[in-house]
Amino acid sequence: MAGLVPAIPIREAPPVRQFYVYILASRPGGAIYVGVTNDLVRRVYEHKNGLVPGFTKRYGVDQLVYFEVYDTAYQAIQREKNIKHWPRVYKTRLIAKQNDTWRDLYDEIS
């Protein structure tokens, strides 16, 4: 068939992968946990329902008070390590800068 262009298959672009550094708190000014994940909603759900053994379950640390988004796992893990080594006052300032009332952000992302 002259003049017709053969169909060109269109491949869907691979989904954009995002990685998250997040901070959970037990209450305003309470215990703090810093973590990294590729699925923030799932991970916070696991913390809230006691599915993650360890510190967060033992101390009731289940309120999402802060998070950042990264394009690569390397960037997110490096940021998590940096924040974990900060003094507590730096972490609380980071939270307060974007979430001064320490409200739980989980409902806003789910």
PDB file of N, CA and C in Angstrom:
ATOM      1  N   MET A   1       0.842  -1.173   0.000  1.00  0.00           N
ATOM      2  CA  MET A   1       0.000   0.000   0.000  1.00  0.00           C
ATOM      3  C   MET A   1       0.884   1.231   0.000  1.00  0.00           C
ATOM      4  N   ALA A   2       0.956   1.813  -1.086  1.00  0.00           N
ATOM      5  CA  ALA A   2       1.813   2.967  -1.260  1.00  0.00           C
ATOM      6  C   ALA A   2       1.295   4.166  -0.475  1.00  0.00           C
ATOM      7  N   GLY A   3       2.223   4.887   0.119  1.00  0.00           N
ATOM      8  CA  GLY A   3       1.872   6.115   0.795  1.00  0.00           C
ATOM      9  C   GLY A   3       1.439   5.955   2.248  1.00  0.00           C
ATOM     10  N   LEU A   4       1.245   4.725   2.685  1.00  0.00           N
ATOM     11  CA  LEU A   4       0.842   4.532   4.082  1.00  0.00           C
ATOM     12  C   LEU A   4       2.064   4.238   4.936  1.00  0.00           C
ATOM     13  N   VAL A   5       2.145   4.898   6.054  1.00  0.00           N
ATOM     14  CA  VAL A   5       3.250   4.691   6.984  1.00  0.00           C
ATOM     15  C   VAL A   5       2.870   3.534   7.892  1.00  0.00           C
ATOM     16  N   PRO A   6       3.755   2.565   8.020  1.00  0.00           N
ATOM     17  CA  PRO A   6       3.411   1.453   8.912  1.00  0.00           C
ATOM     18  C   PRO A   6       3.249   1.943  10.346  1.00  0.00           C
ATOM     19  N   ALA A   7       2.411   1.256  11.058  1.00  0.00           N
ATOM     20  CA  ALA A   7       2.164   1.629  12.458  1.00  0.00           C
ATOM     21  C   ALA A   7       3.463   1.535  13.257  1.00  0.00           C
ATOM     22  N   ILE A   8       3.704   2.542  14.033  1.00  0.00           N
ATOM     23  CA  ILE A   8       4.884   2.564  14.885  1.00  0.00           C
ATOM     24  C   ILE A   8       4.429   2.244  16.303  1.00  0.00           C
ATOM     25  N   PRO A   9       4.927   1.167  16.858  1.00  0.00           N
ATOM     26  CA  PRO A   9       4.485   0.830  18.218  1.00  0.00           C
ATOM     27  C   PRO A   9       4.935   1.901  19.202  1.00  0.00           C
ATOM     28  N   ILE A  10       4.052   2.265  20.067  1.00  0.00           N
ATOM     29  CA  ILE A  10       4.355   3.271  21.087  1.00  0.00           C
ATOM     30  C   ILE A  10       4.532   2.544  22.412  1.00  0.00           C
ATOM     31  N   ARG A  11       5.714   2.639  22.930  1.00  0.00           N
ATOM     32  CA  ARG A  11       5.971   2.023  24.227  1.00  0.00           C
ATOM     33  C   ARG A  11       5.684   3.037  25.313  1.00  0.00           C
ATOM     34  N   GLU A  12       5.066   2.556  26.362  1.00  0.00           N
ATOM     35  CA  GLU A  12       4.805   3.444  27.490  1.00  0.00           C
ATOM     36  C   GLU A  12       6.123   3.721  28.200  1.00  0.00           C
ATOM     37  N   ALA A  13       6.257   4.939  28.639  1.00  0.00           N
ATOM     38  CA  ALA A  13       7.456   5.310  29.383  1.00  0.00           C
ATOM     39  C   ALA A  13       7.439   4.586  30.729  1.00  0.00           C
ATOM     40  N   PRO A  14       8.585   4.146  31.177  1.00  0.00           N
ATOM     41  CA  PRO A  14       8.602   3.483  32.486  1.00  0.00           C
ATOM     42  C   PRO A  14       8.160   4.466  33.563  1.00  0.00           C
ATOM     43  N   PRO A  15       7.483   3.969  34.581  1.00  0.00           N
ATOM     44  CA  PRO A  15       7.022   4.872  35.637  1.00  0.00           C
ATOM     45  C   PRO A  15       8.209   5.561  36.314  1.00  0.00           C
ATOM     46  N   VAL A  16       8.007   6.799  36.674  1.00  0.00           N
ATOM     47  CA  VAL A  16       9.051   7.555  37.362  1.00  0.00           C
ATOM     48  C   VAL A  16       9.121   7.047  38.797  1.00  0.00           C
ATOM     49  N   ARG A  17      10.290   6.632  39.198  1.00  0.00           N
ATOM     50  CA  ARG A  17      10.468   6.101  40.546  1.00  0.00           C
ATOM     51  C   ARG A  17      10.880   7.236  41.452  1.00  0.00           C
ATOM     52  N   GLN A  18      10.233   7.311  42.596  1.00  0.00           N
ATOM     53  CA  GLN A  18      10.577   8.335  43.569  1.00  0.00           C
ATOM     54  C   GLN A  18      10.970   7.666  44.875  1.00  0.00           C
ATOM     55  N   PHE A  19      11.818   8.342  45.603  1.00  0.00           N
ATOM     56  CA  PHE A  19      12.270   7.854  46.893  1.00  0.00           C
ATOM     57  C   PHE A  19      12.033   8.957  47.917  1.00  0.00           C
ATOM     58  N   TYR A  20      11.744   8.561  49.130  1.00  0.00           N
ATOM     59  CA  TYR A  20      11.339   9.503  50.162  1.00  0.00           C
ATOM     60  C   TYR A  20      12.195   9.352  51.409  1.00  0.00           C
ATOM     61  N   VAL A  21      12.568  10.479  51.978  1.00  0.00           N
ATOM     62  CA  VAL A  21      13.129  10.538  53.319  1.00  0.00           C
ATOM     63  C   VAL A  21      11.989  11.085  54.168  1.00  0.00           C
ATOM     64  N   TYR A  22      11.698  10.416  55.267  1.00  0.00           N
ATOM     65  CA  TYR A  22      10.560  10.833  56.081  1.00  0.00           C
ATOM     66  C   TYR A  22      10.936  10.873  57.552  1.00  0.00           C
ATOM     67  N   ILE A  23      10.196  11.707  58.280  1.00  0.00           N
ATOM     68  CA  ILE A  23      10.382  11.788  59.723  1.00  0.00           C
ATOM     69  C   ILE A  23       9.037  11.523  60.377  1.00  0.00           C
ATOM     70  N   LEU A  24       9.047  10.589  61.314  1.00  0.00           N
ATOM     71  CA  LEU A  24       7.873  10.281  62.114  1.00  0.00           C
ATOM     72  C   LEU A  24       8.113  10.782  63.531  1.00  0.00           C
ATOM     73  N   ALA A  25       7.031  11.108  64.223  1.00  0.00           N
ATOM     74  CA  ALA A  25       7.128  11.529  65.617  1.00  0.00           C
ATOM     75  C   ALA A  25       6.020  10.862  66.417  1.00  0.00           C
ATOM     76  N   SER A  26       6.255  10.683  67.702  1.00  0.00           N
ATOM     77  CA  SER A  26       5.234  10.105  68.572  1.00  0.00           C
ATOM     78  C   SER A  26       4.205  11.164  68.955  1.00  0.00           C
ATOM     79  N   ARG A  27       4.644  12.391  69.050  1.00  0.00           N
ATOM     80  CA  ARG A  27       3.804  13.552  69.385  1.00  0.00           C
ATOM     81  C   ARG A  27       4.665  14.787  69.162  1.00  0.00           C
ATOM     82  N   PRO A  28       4.080  15.982  69.177  1.00  0.00           N
ATOM     83  CA  PRO A  28       4.931  17.174  69.038  1.00  0.00           C
ATOM     84  C   PRO A  28       5.993  17.204  70.137  1.00  0.00           C
ATOM     85  N   GLY A  29       7.231  17.289  69.731  1.00  0.00           N
ATOM     86  CA  GLY A  29       8.321  17.307  70.693  1.00  0.00           C
ATOM     87  C   GLY A  29       8.683  15.947  71.255  1.00  0.00           C
ATOM     88  N   GLY A  30       8.042  14.877  70.770  1.00  0.00           N
ATOM     89  CA  GLY A  30       8.285  13.530  71.285  1.00  0.00           C
ATOM     90  C   GLY A  30       9.404  12.818  70.551  1.00  0.00           C
ATOM     91  N   ALA A  31       9.360  11.499  70.625  1.00  0.00           N
ATOM     92  CA  ALA A  31      10.372  10.677  69.967  1.00  0.00           C
ATOM     93  C   ALA A  31      10.309  10.874  68.454  1.00  0.00           C
ATOM     94  N   ILE A  32      11.477  10.840  67.803  1.00  0.00           N
ATOM     95  CA  ILE A  32      11.590  11.075  66.360  1.00  0.00           C
ATOM     96  C   ILE A  32      12.260   9.877  65.704  1.00  0.00           C
ATOM     97  N   TYR A  33      11.785   9.534  64.502  1.00  0.00           N
ATOM     98  CA  TYR A  33      12.381   8.466  63.698  1.00  0.00           C
ATOM     99  C   TYR A  33      12.580   8.988  62.287  1.00  0.00           C
ATOM    100  N   VAL A  34      13.748   8.746  61.706  1.00  0.00           N
ATOM    101  CA  VAL A  34      14.046   9.146  60.334  1.00  0.00           C
ATOM    102  C   VAL A  34      14.196   7.877  59.503  1.00  0.00           C
ATOM    103  N   GLY A  35      13.508   7.828  58.355  1.00  0.00           N
ATOM    104  CA  GLY A  35      13.579   6.646  57.497  1.00  0.00           C
ATOM    105  C   GLY A  35      13.607   7.014  56.030  1.00  0.00           C
ATOM    106  N   VAL A  36      13.774   5.978  55.189  1.00  0.00           N
ATOM    107  CA  VAL A  36      13.784   6.156  53.740  1.00  0.00           C
ATOM    108  C   VAL A  36      12.956   5.032  53.133  1.00  0.00           C
ATOM    109  N   THR A  37      12.227   5.329  52.048  1.00  0.00           N
ATOM    110  CA  THR A  37      11.380   4.339  51.397  1.00  0.00           C
ATOM    111  C   THR A  37      11.121   4.740  49.955  1.00  0.00           C
ATOM    112  N   ASN A  38      10.618   3.794  49.169  1.00  0.00           N
ATOM    113  CA  ASN A  38      10.196   4.121  47.805  1.00  0.00           C
ATOM    114  C   ASN A  38       8.681   4.160  47.697  1.00  0.00           C
ATOM    115  N   ASP A  39       7.980   3.893  48.792  1.00  0.00           N
ATOM    116  CA  ASP A  39       6.512   3.950  48.822  1.00  0.00           C
ATOM    117  C   ASP A  39       6.090   4.538  50.163  1.00  0.00           C
ATOM    118  N   LEU A  40       5.959   5.840  50.211  1.00  0.00           N
ATOM    119  CA  LEU A  40       5.714   6.543  51.471  1.00  0.00           C
ATOM    120  C   LEU A  40       4.389   6.159  52.109  1.00  0.00           C
ATOM    121  N   VAL A  41       3.326   6.082  51.321  1.00  0.00           N
ATOM    122  CA  VAL A  41       2.012   5.757  51.875  1.00  0.00           C
ATOM    123  C   VAL A  41       2.038   4.373  52.528  1.00  0.00           C
ATOM    124  N   ARG A  42       2.582   3.389  51.809  1.00  0.00           N
ATOM    125  CA  ARG A  42       2.655   2.025  52.354  1.00  0.00           C
ATOM    126  C   ARG A  42       3.485   1.977  53.631  1.00  0.00           C
ATOM    127  N   ARG A  43       4.629   2.639  53.607  1.00  0.00           N
ATOM    128  CA  ARG A  43       5.544   2.567  54.746  1.00  0.00           C
ATOM    129  C   ARG A  43       4.955   3.221  55.990  1.00  0.00           C
ATOM    130  N   VAL A  44       4.317   4.373  55.839  1.00  0.00           N
ATOM    131  CA  VAL A  44       3.712   5.030  56.995  1.00  0.00           C
ATOM    132  C   VAL A  44       2.543   4.188  57.510  1.00  0.00           C
ATOM    133  N   TYR A  45       1.783   3.595  56.605  1.00  0.00           N
ATOM    134  CA  TYR A  45       0.699   2.686  57.001  1.00  0.00           C
ATOM    135  C   TYR A  45       1.258   1.558  57.869  1.00  0.00           C
ATOM    136  N   GLU A  46       2.376   0.996  57.453  1.00  0.00           N
ATOM    137  CA  GLU A  46       2.992  -0.082  58.226  1.00  0.00           C
ATOM    138  C   GLU A  46       3.393   0.398  59.621  1.00  0.00           C
ATOM    139  N   HIS A  47       3.950   1.594  59.707  1.00  0.00           N
ATOM    140  CA  HIS A  47       4.312   2.145  61.024  1.00  0.00           C
ATOM    141  C   HIS A  47       3.064   2.369  61.870  1.00  0.00           C
ATOM    142  N   LYS A  48       2.033   2.937  61.283  1.00  0.00           N
ATOM    143  CA  LYS A  48       0.804   3.245  62.025  1.00  0.00           C
ATOM    144  C   LYS A  48       0.114   1.996  62.559  1.00  0.00           C
ATOM    145  N   ASN A  49       0.246   0.888  61.857  1.00  0.00           N
ATOM    146  CA  ASN A  49      -0.434  -0.336  62.255  1.00  0.00           C
ATOM    147  C   ASN A  49       0.476  -1.332  62.968  1.00  0.00           C
ATOM    148  N   GLY A  50       1.625  -0.871  63.397  1.00  0.00           N
ATOM    149  CA  GLY A  50       2.531  -1.704  64.176  1.00  0.00           C
ATOM    150  C   GLY A  50       3.107  -2.879  63.415  1.00  0.00           C
ATOM    151  N   LEU A  51       3.202  -2.761  62.099  1.00  0.00           N
ATOM    152  CA  LEU A  51       3.717  -3.851  61.279  1.00  0.00           C
ATOM    153  C   LEU A  51       5.240  -3.828  61.165  1.00  0.00           C
ATOM    154  N   VAL A  52       5.848  -2.764  61.650  1.00  0.00           N
ATOM    155  CA  VAL A  52       7.301  -2.624  61.597  1.00  0.00           C
ATOM    156  C   VAL A  52       7.842  -2.815  63.013  1.00  0.00           C
ATOM    157  N   PRO A  53       8.490  -3.942  63.270  1.00  0.00           N
ATOM    158  CA  PRO A  53       9.024  -4.153  64.615  1.00  0.00           C
ATOM    159  C   PRO A  53      10.187  -3.218  64.901  1.00  0.00           C
ATOM    160  N   GLY A  54      10.385  -2.906  66.155  1.00  0.00           N
ATOM    161  CA  GLY A  54      11.530  -2.088  66.527  1.00  0.00           C
ATOM    162  C   GLY A  54      11.133  -0.792  67.201  1.00  0.00           C
ATOM    163  N   PHE A  55      11.940   0.214  66.980  1.00  0.00           N
ATOM    164  CA  PHE A  55      11.812   1.498  67.673  1.00  0.00           C
ATOM    165  C   PHE A  55      10.437   2.133  67.509  1.00  0.00           C
ATOM    166  N   THR A  56       9.942   2.226  66.277  1.00  0.00           N
ATOM    167  CA  THR A  56       8.678   2.929  66.051  1.00  0.00           C
ATOM    168  C   THR A  56       7.509   2.231  66.718  1.00  0.00           C
ATOM    169  N   LYS A  57       7.510   0.921  66.697  1.00  0.00           N
ATOM    170  CA  LYS A  57       6.430   0.164  67.347  1.00  0.00           C
ATOM    171  C   LYS A  57       6.536   0.278  68.868  1.00  0.00           C
ATOM    172  N   ARG A  58       7.742   0.125  69.380  1.00  0.00           N
ATOM    173  CA  ARG A  58       7.958   0.150  70.826  1.00  0.00           C
ATOM    174  C   ARG A  58       7.575   1.493  71.443  1.00  0.00           C
ATOM    175  N   TYR A  59       7.877   2.606  70.749  1.00  0.00           N
ATOM    176  CA  TYR A  59       7.628   3.935  71.310  1.00  0.00           C
ATOM    177  C   TYR A  59       6.428   4.652  70.706  1.00  0.00           C
ATOM    178  N   GLY A  60       5.650   3.978  69.883  1.00  0.00           N
ATOM    179  CA  GLY A  60       4.453   4.592  69.306  1.00  0.00           C
ATOM    180  C   GLY A  60       4.747   5.758  68.382  1.00  0.00           C
ATOM    181  N   VAL A  61       5.815   5.646  67.616  1.00  0.00           N
ATOM    182  CA  VAL A  61       6.224   6.711  66.706  1.00  0.00           C
ATOM    183  C   VAL A  61       5.534   6.445  65.369  1.00  0.00           C
ATOM    184  N   ASP A  62       4.418   7.145  65.120  1.00  0.00           N
ATOM    185  CA  ASP A  62       3.618   6.810  63.936  1.00  0.00           C
ATOM    186  C   ASP A  62       2.982   8.008  63.228  1.00  0.00           C
ATOM    187  N   GLN A  63       3.378   9.212  63.584  1.00  0.00           N
ATOM    188  CA  GLN A  63       2.831  10.397  62.920  1.00  0.00           C
ATOM    189  C   GLN A  63       3.843  10.941  61.916  1.00  0.00           C
ATOM    190  N   LEU A  64       3.429  10.993  60.660  1.00  0.00           N
ATOM    191  CA  LEU A  64       4.293  11.542  59.611  1.00  0.00           C
ATOM    192  C   LEU A  64       4.303  13.062  59.751  1.00  0.00           C
ATOM    193  N   VAL A  65       5.454  13.628  60.106  1.00  0.00           N
ATOM    194  CA  VAL A  65       5.529  15.072  60.318  1.00  0.00           C
ATOM    195  C   VAL A  65       6.378  15.790  59.275  1.00  0.00           C
ATOM    196  N   TYR A  66       7.123  15.023  58.463  1.00  0.00           N
ATOM    197  CA  TYR A  66       7.992  15.650  57.472  1.00  0.00           C
ATOM    198  C   TYR A  66       8.405  14.609  56.437  1.00  0.00           C
ATOM    199  N   PHE A  67       8.556  15.046  55.176  1.00  0.00           N
ATOM    200  CA  PHE A  67       9.130  14.173  54.157  1.00  0.00           C
ATOM    201  C   PHE A  67       9.715  14.989  53.027  1.00  0.00           C
ATOM    202  N   GLU A  68      10.659  14.375  52.312  1.00  0.00           N
ATOM    203  CA  GLU A  68      11.297  14.963  51.139  1.00  0.00           C
ATOM    204  C   GLU A  68      11.281  13.915  50.027  1.00  0.00           C
ATOM    205  N   VAL A  69      11.252  14.366  48.780  1.00  0.00           N
ATOM    206  CA  VAL A  69      11.196  13.470  47.623  1.00  0.00           C
ATOM    207  C   VAL A  69      12.513  13.551  46.845  1.00  0.00           C
ATOM    208  N   TYR A  70      13.015  12.380  46.432  1.00  0.00           N
ATOM    209  CA  TYR A  70      14.254  12.303  45.656  1.00  0.00           C
ATOM    210  C   TYR A  70      14.060  11.416  44.437  1.00  0.00           C
ATOM    211  N   ASP A  71      14.885  11.651  43.420  1.00  0.00           N
ATOM    212  CA  ASP A  71      14.816  10.884  42.182  1.00  0.00           C
ATOM    213  C   ASP A  71      15.575   9.568  42.242  1.00  0.00           C
ATOM    214  N   THR A  72      16.580   9.491  43.100  1.00  0.00           N
ATOM    215  CA  THR A  72      17.363   8.266  43.178  1.00  0.00           C
ATOM    216  C   THR A  72      17.439   7.765  44.614  1.00  0.00           C
ATOM    217  N   ALA A  73      17.606   6.461  44.731  1.00  0.00           N
ATOM    218  CA  ALA A  73      17.756   5.852  46.051  1.00  0.00           C
ATOM    219  C   ALA A  73      19.021   6.374  46.722  1.00  0.00           C
ATOM    220  N   TYR A  74      20.077   6.544  45.941  1.00  0.00           N
ATOM    221  CA  TYR A  74      21.343   7.025  46.492  1.00  0.00           C
ATOM    222  C   TYR A  74      21.166   8.379  47.191  1.00  0.00           C
ATOM    223  N   GLN A  75      20.488   9.309  46.520  1.00  0.00           N
ATOM    224  CA  GLN A  75      20.271  10.642  47.102  1.00  0.00           C
ATOM    225  C   GLN A  75      19.467  10.549  48.393  1.00  0.00           C
ATOM    226  N   ALA A  76      18.412   9.740  48.370  1.00  0.00           N
ATOM    227  CA  ALA A  76      17.543   9.616  49.541  1.00  0.00           C
ATOM    228  C   ALA A  76      18.292   8.984  50.715  1.00  0.00           C
ATOM    229  N   ILE A  77      19.047   7.940  50.443  1.00  0.00           N
ATOM    230  CA  ILE A  77      19.782   7.263  51.518  1.00  0.00           C
ATOM    231  C   ILE A  77      20.851   8.185  52.102  1.00  0.00           C
ATOM    232  N   GLN A  78      21.519   8.935  51.248  1.00  0.00           N
ATOM    233  CA  GLN A  78      22.538   9.861  51.739  1.00  0.00           C
ATOM    234  C   GLN A  78      21.916  10.936  52.630  1.00  0.00           C
ATOM    235  N   ARG A  79      20.782  11.464  52.206  1.00  0.00           N
ATOM    236  CA  ARG A  79      20.086  12.489  53.002  1.00  0.00           C
ATOM    237  C   ARG A  79      19.622  11.916  54.337  1.00  0.00           C
ATOM    238  N   GLU A  80      19.082  10.699  54.312  1.00  0.00           N
ATOM    239  CA  GLU A  80      18.647  10.051  55.556  1.00  0.00           C
ATOM    240  C   GLU A  80      19.813   9.911  56.521  1.00  0.00           C
ATOM    241  N   LYS A  81      20.946   9.456  56.024  1.00  0.00           N
ATOM    242  CA  LYS A  81      22.124   9.296  56.883  1.00  0.00           C
ATOM    243  C   LYS A  81      22.570  10.627  57.461  1.00  0.00           C
ATOM    244  N   ASN A  82      22.535  11.678  56.645  1.00  0.00           N
ATOM    245  CA  ASN A  82      22.921  13.004  57.136  1.00  0.00           C
ATOM    246  C   ASN A  82      22.000  13.456  58.261  1.00  0.00           C
ATOM    247  N   ILE A  83      20.687  13.351  58.019  1.00  0.00           N
ATOM    248  CA  ILE A  83      19.726  13.801  59.029  1.00  0.00           C
ATOM    249  C   ILE A  83      19.857  12.987  60.310  1.00  0.00           C
ATOM    250  N   LYS A  84      20.058  11.687  60.193  1.00  0.00           N
ATOM    251  CA  LYS A  84      20.185  10.832  61.384  1.00  0.00           C
ATOM    252  C   LYS A  84      21.365  11.249  62.258  1.00  0.00           C
ATOM    253  N   HIS A  85      22.385  11.844  61.667  1.00  0.00           N
ATOM    254  CA  HIS A  85      23.548  12.257  62.446  1.00  0.00           C
ATOM    255  C   HIS A  85      23.414  13.668  63.016  1.00  0.00           C
ATOM    256  N   TRP A  86      22.362  14.364  62.652  1.00  0.00           N
ATOM    257  CA  TRP A  86      22.151  15.709  63.181  1.00  0.00           C
ATOM    258  C   TRP A  86      21.744  15.653  64.652  1.00  0.00           C
ATOM    259  N   PRO A  87      22.032  16.722  65.392  1.00  0.00           N
ATOM    260  CA  PRO A  87      21.475  16.837  66.747  1.00  0.00           C
ATOM    261  C   PRO A  87      19.951  16.973  66.668  1.00  0.00           C
ATOM    262  N   ARG A  88      19.276  16.602  67.719  1.00  0.00           N
ATOM    263  CA  ARG A  88      17.819  16.650  67.759  1.00  0.00           C
ATOM    264  C   ARG A  88      17.276  18.041  67.423  1.00  0.00           C
ATOM    265  N   VAL A  89      17.921  19.074  67.901  1.00  0.00           N
ATOM    266  CA  VAL A  89      17.431  20.431  67.657  1.00  0.00           C
ATOM    267  C   VAL A  89      17.391  20.759  66.162  1.00  0.00           C
ATOM    268  N   TYR A  90      18.349  20.256  65.393  1.00  0.00           N
ATOM    269  CA  TYR A  90      18.332  20.490  63.935  1.00  0.00           C
ATOM    270  C   TYR A  90      17.137  19.789  63.298  1.00  0.00           C
ATOM    271  N   LYS A  91      16.850  18.577  63.756  1.00  0.00           N
ATOM    272  CA  LYS A  91      15.718  17.822  63.214  1.00  0.00           C
ATOM    273  C   LYS A  91      14.399  18.526  63.534  1.00  0.00           C
ATOM    274  N   THR A  92      14.267  19.009  64.755  1.00  0.00           N
ATOM    275  CA  THR A  92      13.024  19.685  65.128  1.00  0.00           C
ATOM    276  C   THR A  92      12.861  20.997  64.359  1.00  0.00           C
ATOM    277  N   ARG A  93      13.957  21.684  64.088  1.00  0.00           N
ATOM    278  CA  ARG A  93      13.882  22.905  63.266  1.00  0.00           C
ATOM    279  C   ARG A  93      13.460  22.581  61.842  1.00  0.00           C
ATOM    280  N   LEU A  94      13.991  21.485  61.289  1.00  0.00           N
ATOM    281  CA  LEU A  94      13.620  21.064  59.939  1.00  0.00           C
ATOM    282  C   LEU A  94      12.121  20.784  59.867  1.00  0.00           C
ATOM    283  N   ILE A  95      11.593  20.096  60.845  1.00  0.00           N
ATOM    284  CA  ILE A  95      10.156  19.792  60.889  1.00  0.00           C
ATOM    285  C   ILE A  95       9.361  21.088  61.019  1.00  0.00           C
ATOM    286  N   ALA A  96       9.733  21.915  61.982  1.00  0.00           N
ATOM    287  CA  ALA A  96       8.977  23.135  62.272  1.00  0.00           C
ATOM    288  C   ALA A  96       8.981  24.115  61.104  1.00  0.00           C
ATOM    289  N   LYS A  97      10.027  24.078  60.285  1.00  0.00           N
ATOM    290  CA  LYS A  97      10.105  24.984  59.144  1.00  0.00           C
ATOM    291  C   LYS A  97       8.961  24.745  58.161  1.00  0.00           C
ATOM    292  N   GLN A  98       8.552  23.495  57.988  1.00  0.00           N
ATOM    293  CA  GLN A  98       7.474  23.186  57.048  1.00  0.00           C
ATOM    294  C   GLN A  98       6.188  22.737  57.725  1.00  0.00           C
ATOM    295  N   ASN A  99       6.260  22.354  58.982  1.00  0.00           N
ATOM    296  CA  ASN A  99       5.088  21.826  59.681  1.00  0.00           C
ATOM    297  C   ASN A  99       5.152  22.274  61.135  1.00  0.00           C
ATOM    298  N   ASP A 100       4.937  23.570  61.354  1.00  0.00           N
ATOM    299  CA  ASP A 100       5.143  24.137  62.685  1.00  0.00           C
ATOM    300  C   ASP A 100       4.205  23.594  63.756  1.00  0.00           C
ATOM    301  N   THR A 101       3.083  23.015  63.373  1.00  0.00           N
ATOM    302  CA  THR A 101       2.163  22.441  64.364  1.00  0.00           C
ATOM    303  C   THR A 101       2.376  20.943  64.551  1.00  0.00           C
ATOM    304  N   TRP A 102       3.306  20.368  63.807  1.00  0.00           N
ATOM    305  CA  TRP A 102       3.615  18.936  63.863  1.00  0.00           C
ATOM    306  C   TRP A 102       2.373  18.096  63.583  1.00  0.00           C
ATOM    307  N   ARG A 103       1.522  18.564  62.659  1.00  0.00           N
ATOM    308  CA  ARG A 103       0.323  17.785  62.318  1.00  0.00           C
ATOM    309  C   ARG A 103       0.724  16.537  61.537  1.00  0.00           C
ATOM    310  N   ASP A 104      -0.099  15.511  61.616  1.00  0.00           N
ATOM    311  CA  ASP A 104       0.165  14.261  60.908  1.00  0.00           C
ATOM    312  C   ASP A 104      -0.168  14.458  59.435  1.00  0.00           C
ATOM    313  N   LEU A 105       0.807  14.302  58.561  1.00  0.00           N
ATOM    314  CA  LEU A 105       0.639  14.536  57.115  1.00  0.00           C
ATOM    315  C   LEU A 105       0.119  13.314  56.373  1.00  0.00           C
ATOM    316  N   TYR A 106      -0.083  12.205  57.060  1.00  0.00           N
ATOM    317  CA  TYR A 106      -0.479  10.960  56.404  1.00  0.00           C
ATOM    318  C   TYR A 106      -1.774  11.113  55.616  1.00  0.00           C
ATOM    319  N   ASP A 107      -2.784  11.772  56.200  1.00  0.00           N
ATOM    320  CA  ASP A 107      -4.065  11.936  55.485  1.00  0.00           C
ATOM    321  C   ASP A 107      -3.911  12.754  54.216  1.00  0.00           C
ATOM    322  N   GLU A 108      -2.941  13.647  54.180  1.00  0.00           N
ATOM    323  CA  GLU A 108      -2.732  14.492  53.010  1.00  0.00           C
ATOM    324  C   GLU A 108      -2.061  13.731  51.865  1.00  0.00           C
ATOM    325  N   ILE A 109      -1.323  12.679  52.163  1.00  0.00           N
ATOM    326  CA  ILE A 109      -0.651  11.939  51.097  1.00  0.00           C
ATOM    327  C   ILE A 109      -1.374  10.664  50.690  1.00  0.00           C
ATOM    328  N   SER A 110      -2.283  10.193  51.531  1.00  0.00           N
ATOM    329  CA  SER A 110      -2.975   8.927  51.213  1.00  0.00           C
ATOM    330  C   SER A 110      -4.280   9.153  50.479  1.00  0.00           C
TER     331      SER A 110
END
